[in-house]
């Protein structure tokens, strides 16, 4: 698959902006919904959207092979259940700075997994760029905002976020292997639909009572989270995985906390420090070092 460098950059920019917006929108939605019910409502929107696409664009979806169903279910399970529930649960018991620091390990897990399972050749230059960017994440997580605290109330919260980071890496690596047989849209659709089945045991009466009292900002947030942050961005993530190595594009994930903090600055009037700017510069330099090949 070949696309221009400009188009490739725009795809990544859209994903990072969409995922960066997700965190403040989750903060808004959690005012009306529990973490579990937020995940259920988000993926209710996801499933409705994907089923609609499957109905109107059925000819563009490769037939789902029966032998791939268990693999894609596991892919969706990690992409839906363990990632989102782990992150939502963990953020209740650890500070945002601690969460950003732990979830920032996801690209490192991607690199290690890409070397082991995809046999990708990772150059010293790429490793240096990734660790430079990770240093930027550490600085932003610890000192990016005044009075920022790194707090872990319960170790289970930190473990849950770490599981989410590992799940994100698994979703990337396992998905790349399946992209040889499925398109980005079809694999995203099958993984999300099958993975969402795992949410059924979490359904309870509190969902109805919370939805009946939900506010308009939360409704808008959930729609954005479902359509833009999940359906479109997850599909685009698999598109770029078809173009470049997983170990190379994983570094772009470090832009998410930068975008999130900038949005907090604009929307919630949160302050930032000069060290935030320094950390952001390190991330950009790390990306620059890592981007060895041009997209043609």
Protein backbone atom coordinates (compact mmCIF):
# COMPACT_ATOMS: atom_id res chain seq x y z
CA UNK A 1 0.00 0.00 0.00
CA UNK A 2 1.45 3.35 -1.06
CA UNK A 3 0.27 6.83 -0.09
CA UNK A 4 1.91 10.25 -0.16
CA UNK A 5 3.92 11.51 2.80
CA UNK A 6 1.39 14.32 3.30
CA UNK A 7 -1.57 11.95 3.43
CA UNK A 8 0.28 9.63 5.80
CA UNK A 9 1.06 12.55 8.12
CA UNK A 10 -2.57 13.73 8.02
CA UNK A 11 -3.82 10.26 8.96
CA UNK A 12 -1.49 10.15 11.95
CA UNK A 13 -2.39 13.71 12.97
CA UNK A 14 -6.10 12.85 12.90
CA UNK A 15 -5.56 9.74 15.06
CA UNK A 16 -3.36 11.49 17.62
CA UNK A 17 -5.81 14.41 17.89
CA UNK A 18 -8.77 12.05 18.22
CA UNK A 19 -7.05 9.93 20.90
CA UNK A 20 -5.71 13.02 22.65
CA UNK A 21 -9.26 14.41 22.86
CA UNK A 22 -10.50 11.10 24.26
CA UNK A 23 -9.06 11.63 27.74
CA UNK A 24 -10.81 14.95 28.55
CA UNK A 25 -14.01 13.58 26.99
CA UNK A 26 -13.75 10.51 29.22
CA UNK A 27 -13.36 12.89 32.16
CA UNK A 28 -16.61 14.62 31.13
CA UNK A 29 -18.49 11.34 30.61
CA UNK A 30 -17.40 9.91 33.98
CA UNK A 31 -19.45 12.65 35.66
CA UNK A 32 -22.59 10.75 34.59
CA UNK A 33 -21.44 7.17 34.01
CA UNK A 34 -19.36 4.61 35.88
CA UNK A 35 -16.17 3.43 34.11
CA UNK A 36 -17.82 0.13 33.14
CA UNK A 37 -21.01 1.76 31.85
CA UNK A 38 -19.00 4.34 29.93
CA UNK A 39 -17.14 1.52 28.18
CA UNK A 40 -20.43 -0.24 27.40
CA UNK A 41 -22.03 2.91 25.96
CA UNK A 42 -18.91 3.75 23.96
CA UNK A 43 -18.88 0.34 22.33
CA UNK A 44 -22.64 0.38 21.84
CA UNK A 45 -22.03 3.37 19.56
CA UNK A 46 -19.09 1.52 17.97
CA UNK A 47 -21.15 -1.61 17.23
CA UNK A 48 -24.10 0.33 15.79
CA UNK A 49 -21.74 2.28 13.52
CA UNK A 50 -19.84 -0.79 12.35
CA UNK A 51 -22.99 -2.84 11.75
CA UNK A 52 -24.33 0.01 9.63
CA UNK A 53 -21.09 0.06 7.59
CA UNK A 54 -21.22 -3.72 7.27
CA UNK A 55 -24.78 -3.48 5.95
CA UNK A 56 -24.21 -0.78 3.33
CA UNK A 57 -20.67 -1.82 2.30
CA UNK A 58 -20.91 -5.60 2.59
CA UNK A 59 -19.05 -6.20 -0.70
CA UNK A 60 -15.95 -4.46 0.69
CA UNK A 61 -15.64 -6.86 3.62
CA UNK A 62 -13.62 -10.06 3.04
CA UNK A 63 -15.42 -13.14 4.31
CA UNK A 64 -14.54 -13.95 7.90
CA UNK A 65 -12.72 -17.28 7.96
CA UNK A 66 -14.00 -19.64 10.71
CA UNK A 67 -10.42 -20.48 11.70
CA UNK A 68 -9.72 -16.77 12.29
CA UNK A 69 -12.73 -16.20 14.59
CA UNK A 70 -10.90 -17.23 17.83
CA UNK A 71 -7.88 -15.11 16.89
CA UNK A 72 -9.96 -12.04 16.04
CA UNK A 73 -12.08 -12.51 19.17
CA UNK A 74 -8.89 -12.50 21.28
CA UNK A 75 -7.69 -9.46 19.33
CA UNK A 76 -10.95 -7.66 20.07
CA UNK A 77 -10.94 -8.85 23.67
CA UNK A 78 -7.60 -7.15 24.29
CA UNK A 79 -8.54 -4.10 22.20
CA UNK A 80 -11.94 -3.64 23.88
CA UNK A 81 -12.12 -5.32 27.28
CA UNK A 82 -8.64 -5.35 28.79
CA UNK A 83 -7.49 -2.01 27.37
CA UNK A 84 -10.54 0.16 28.05
CA UNK A 85 -11.68 -1.42 31.30
CA UNK A 86 -8.09 -1.58 32.55
CA UNK A 87 -7.49 2.08 31.80
CA UNK A 88 -10.86 3.27 33.14
CA UNK A 89 -10.50 1.18 36.31
CA UNK A 90 -6.90 2.18 36.90
CA UNK A 91 -7.53 5.92 36.55
CA UNK A 92 -9.86 5.74 39.56
CA UNK A 93 -6.97 4.77 41.85
CA UNK A 94 -3.87 6.45 40.39
CA UNK A 95 -3.18 10.05 39.42
CA UNK A 96 -3.31 11.20 35.75
CA UNK A 97 0.46 11.69 35.83
CA UNK A 98 1.02 8.11 36.96
CA UNK A 99 -1.43 6.84 34.32
CA UNK A 100 0.35 8.79 31.55
CA UNK A 101 3.71 7.44 32.67
CA UNK A 102 2.55 3.81 32.74
CA UNK A 103 0.56 3.94 29.48
CA UNK A 104 3.63 5.56 27.92
CA UNK A 105 5.34 2.17 28.11
CA UNK A 106 3.01 0.83 25.36
CA UNK A 107 5.35 1.79 22.48
CA UNK A 108 8.20 0.02 24.28
CA UNK A 109 6.11 -3.15 24.48
CA UNK A 110 5.30 -2.73 20.76
CA UNK A 111 8.99 -2.53 19.86
CA UNK A 112 9.94 -5.62 21.87
CA UNK A 113 6.95 -7.57 20.51
CA UNK A 114 7.70 -6.48 16.93
CA UNK A 115 11.24 -7.79 17.23
CA UNK A 116 10.14 -11.11 18.77
CA UNK A 117 6.93 -11.89 16.85
CA UNK A 118 7.14 -9.90 13.60
CA UNK A 119 10.92 -10.29 13.18
CA UNK A 120 11.23 -6.56 12.49
CA UNK A 121 14.75 -5.21 12.30
CA UNK A 122 14.98 -2.30 14.72
CA UNK A 123 18.03 -0.09 14.18
CA UNK A 124 20.01 1.56 16.97
CA UNK A 125 18.83 4.90 15.58
CA UNK A 126 15.19 3.90 15.99
CA UNK A 127 15.77 2.60 19.52
CA UNK A 128 17.53 5.87 20.43
CA UNK A 129 14.58 7.87 19.07
CA UNK A 130 12.05 5.81 21.01
CA UNK A 131 13.91 6.16 24.31
CA UNK A 132 14.41 9.88 23.71
CA UNK A 133 10.67 10.25 23.21
CA UNK A 134 9.98 8.12 26.29
CA UNK A 135 12.25 10.44 28.28
CA UNK A 136 10.03 13.27 27.07
CA UNK A 137 6.97 11.39 28.35
CA UNK A 138 8.61 10.91 31.76
CA UNK A 139 9.33 14.64 32.00
CA UNK A 140 5.78 15.58 30.95
CA UNK A 141 4.21 13.02 33.30
CA UNK A 142 6.28 14.09 36.31
CA UNK A 143 6.77 17.82 35.80
CA UNK A 144 4.62 18.88 32.84
CA UNK A 145 2.02 20.68 34.97
CA UNK A 146 2.40 22.66 38.23
CA UNK A 147 1.34 20.76 41.35
CA UNK A 148 1.17 17.52 39.35
CA UNK A 149 1.18 14.52 41.66
CA UNK A 150 2.28 10.97 40.97
CA UNK A 151 -0.02 9.04 43.27
CA UNK A 152 -0.95 5.36 43.44
CA UNK A 153 -3.74 4.73 45.97
CA UNK A 154 -3.95 1.02 45.21
CA UNK A 155 -1.36 -1.10 43.43
CA UNK A 156 -4.21 -2.76 41.52
CA UNK A 157 -4.81 0.57 39.76
CA UNK A 158 -1.22 0.73 38.51
CA UNK A 159 -1.35 -2.94 37.45
CA UNK A 160 -4.62 -2.33 35.56
CA UNK A 161 -3.09 0.54 33.56
CA UNK A 162 0.02 -1.55 32.86
CA UNK A 163 -2.25 -4.33 31.56
CA UNK A 164 -3.90 -1.72 29.31
CA UNK A 165 -0.47 -0.73 27.94
CA UNK A 166 0.40 -4.37 27.20
CA UNK A 167 -3.04 -4.85 25.62
CA UNK A 168 -2.44 -1.90 23.28
CA UNK A 169 0.82 -3.48 22.16
CA UNK A 170 -0.85 -6.87 21.63
CA UNK A 171 -3.65 -5.27 19.59
CA UNK A 172 -1.03 -3.66 17.34
CA UNK A 173 1.20 -6.69 16.84
CA UNK A 174 -1.53 -9.33 16.50
CA UNK A 175 -3.50 -7.06 14.19
CA UNK A 176 -0.54 -6.49 11.87
CA UNK A 177 -0.18 -10.24 11.37
CA UNK A 178 -3.86 -10.54 10.37
CA UNK A 179 -3.71 -7.59 7.94
CA UNK A 180 -2.26 -9.92 5.33
CA UNK A 181 -5.74 -11.50 5.03
CA UNK A 182 -8.09 -8.64 5.91
CA UNK A 183 -8.45 -4.96 5.10
CA UNK A 184 -8.01 -2.37 7.86
CA UNK A 185 -11.76 -1.67 7.89
CA UNK A 186 -12.85 -5.32 7.95
CA UNK A 187 -10.34 -6.34 10.64
CA UNK A 188 -11.35 -3.39 12.84
CA UNK A 189 -15.02 -4.25 12.34
CA UNK A 190 -14.69 -7.95 13.12
CA UNK A 191 -12.37 -7.33 16.12
CA UNK A 192 -14.61 -4.65 17.67
CA UNK A 193 -17.85 -6.61 17.15
CA UNK A 194 -16.44 -9.87 18.51
CA UNK A 195 -14.56 -8.16 21.32
CA UNK A 196 -17.67 -6.27 22.44
CA UNK A 197 -19.35 -9.59 23.23
CA UNK A 198 -17.06 -9.69 26.26
CA UNK A 199 -18.89 -6.66 27.68
CA UNK A 200 -22.20 -8.54 28.01
CA UNK A 201 -21.43 -9.97 31.50
CA UNK A 202 -20.96 -6.40 32.76
CA UNK A 203 -24.52 -5.31 31.89
CA UNK A 204 -26.58 -4.38 34.96
CA UNK A 205 -29.48 -2.18 36.03
CA UNK A 206 -27.20 0.78 36.87
CA UNK A 207 -26.65 1.31 33.14
CA UNK A 208 -30.32 2.16 32.59
CA UNK A 209 -30.54 4.51 35.58
CA UNK A 210 -27.35 6.34 34.57
CA UNK A 211 -28.35 6.66 30.90
CA UNK A 212 -31.77 8.10 31.85
CA UNK A 213 -30.03 10.93 33.71
CA UNK A 214 -27.17 11.51 31.30
CA UNK A 215 -26.31 15.09 30.30
CA UNK A 216 -25.95 16.44 26.75
CA UNK A 217 -22.15 16.99 27.09
CA UNK A 218 -21.75 13.33 28.04
CA UNK A 219 -23.88 12.21 25.09
CA UNK A 220 -21.76 14.25 22.67
CA UNK A 221 -18.58 12.94 24.32
CA UNK A 222 -19.69 9.31 23.99
CA UNK A 223 -20.61 9.79 20.33
CA UNK A 224 -17.19 11.29 19.63
CA UNK A 225 -15.43 8.54 21.58
CA UNK A 226 -17.33 5.82 19.72
CA UNK A 227 -17.19 7.18 16.17
CA UNK A 228 -13.97 9.18 15.96
CA UNK A 229 -11.71 7.86 18.74
CA UNK A 230 -12.64 4.21 18.12
CA UNK A 231 -14.20 3.35 14.74
CA UNK A 232 -12.28 5.78 12.54
CA UNK A 233 -9.02 5.99 14.50
CA UNK A 234 -8.69 2.25 15.13
CA UNK A 235 -9.27 1.61 11.44
CA UNK A 236 -6.70 4.25 10.44
CA UNK A 237 -4.21 2.71 12.87
CA UNK A 238 -4.39 -0.53 10.92
CA UNK A 239 -4.07 1.44 7.67
CA UNK A 240 -0.75 2.94 8.76
CA UNK A 241 0.36 -0.47 10.05
CA UNK A 242 0.06 -1.70 6.47
CA UNK A 243 2.50 1.01 5.40
CA UNK A 244 5.21 1.07 8.06
CA UNK A 245 6.72 -1.17 10.72
CA UNK A 246 4.88 -1.37 14.03
CA UNK A 247 8.07 -0.40 15.87
CA UNK A 248 8.35 2.77 13.80
CA UNK A 249 4.82 4.13 14.04
CA UNK A 250 4.44 3.28 17.74
CA UNK A 251 6.48 6.34 18.66
CA UNK A 252 3.64 8.56 17.40
CA UNK A 253 1.61 7.40 20.41
CA UNK A 254 3.81 9.63 22.56
CA UNK A 255 2.03 12.66 21.09
CA UNK A 256 -1.25 11.67 22.76
CA UNK A 257 -0.46 12.96 26.28
CA UNK A 258 1.00 16.14 24.76
CA UNK A 259 -2.27 16.79 22.93
CA UNK A 260 -4.32 15.86 26.00
CA UNK A 261 -2.50 18.34 28.22
CA UNK A 262 -2.80 21.09 25.59
CA UNK A 263 -6.55 20.45 25.40
CA UNK A 264 -6.74 20.60 29.20
CA UNK A 265 -4.96 23.94 28.96
CA UNK A 266 -7.47 25.32 26.46
CA UNK A 267 -10.69 23.76 27.80
CA UNK A 268 -10.14 23.25 31.53
CA UNK A 269 -7.63 26.12 31.96
CA UNK A 270 -5.03 23.74 33.39
CA UNK A 271 -1.54 25.27 33.67
CA UNK A 272 1.62 23.83 32.10
CA UNK A 273 5.27 24.26 32.99
CA UNK A 274 8.36 25.01 30.92
CA UNK A 275 9.38 21.40 31.44
CA UNK A 276 6.26 20.37 29.49
CA UNK A 277 7.68 22.25 26.49
CA UNK A 278 11.06 20.59 27.02
CA UNK A 279 9.44 17.14 27.16
CA UNK A 280 7.44 17.88 24.01
CA UNK A 281 10.64 18.90 22.20
CA UNK A 282 12.27 15.61 23.19
CA UNK A 283 9.29 13.69 21.78
CA UNK A 284 9.51 15.59 18.49
CA UNK A 285 13.27 14.97 18.30
CA UNK A 286 12.71 11.29 19.04
CA UNK A 287 10.17 11.11 16.22
CA UNK A 288 12.55 12.87 13.89
CA UNK A 289 15.34 10.42 14.68
CA UNK A 290 13.02 7.41 14.28
CA UNK A 291 11.55 8.49 10.93
CA UNK A 292 14.33 7.13 8.75
CA UNK A 293 12.33 6.13 5.69
CA UNK A 294 10.12 8.35 3.59
CA UNK A 295 6.59 7.33 2.68
CA UNK A 296 6.14 7.17 -1.08
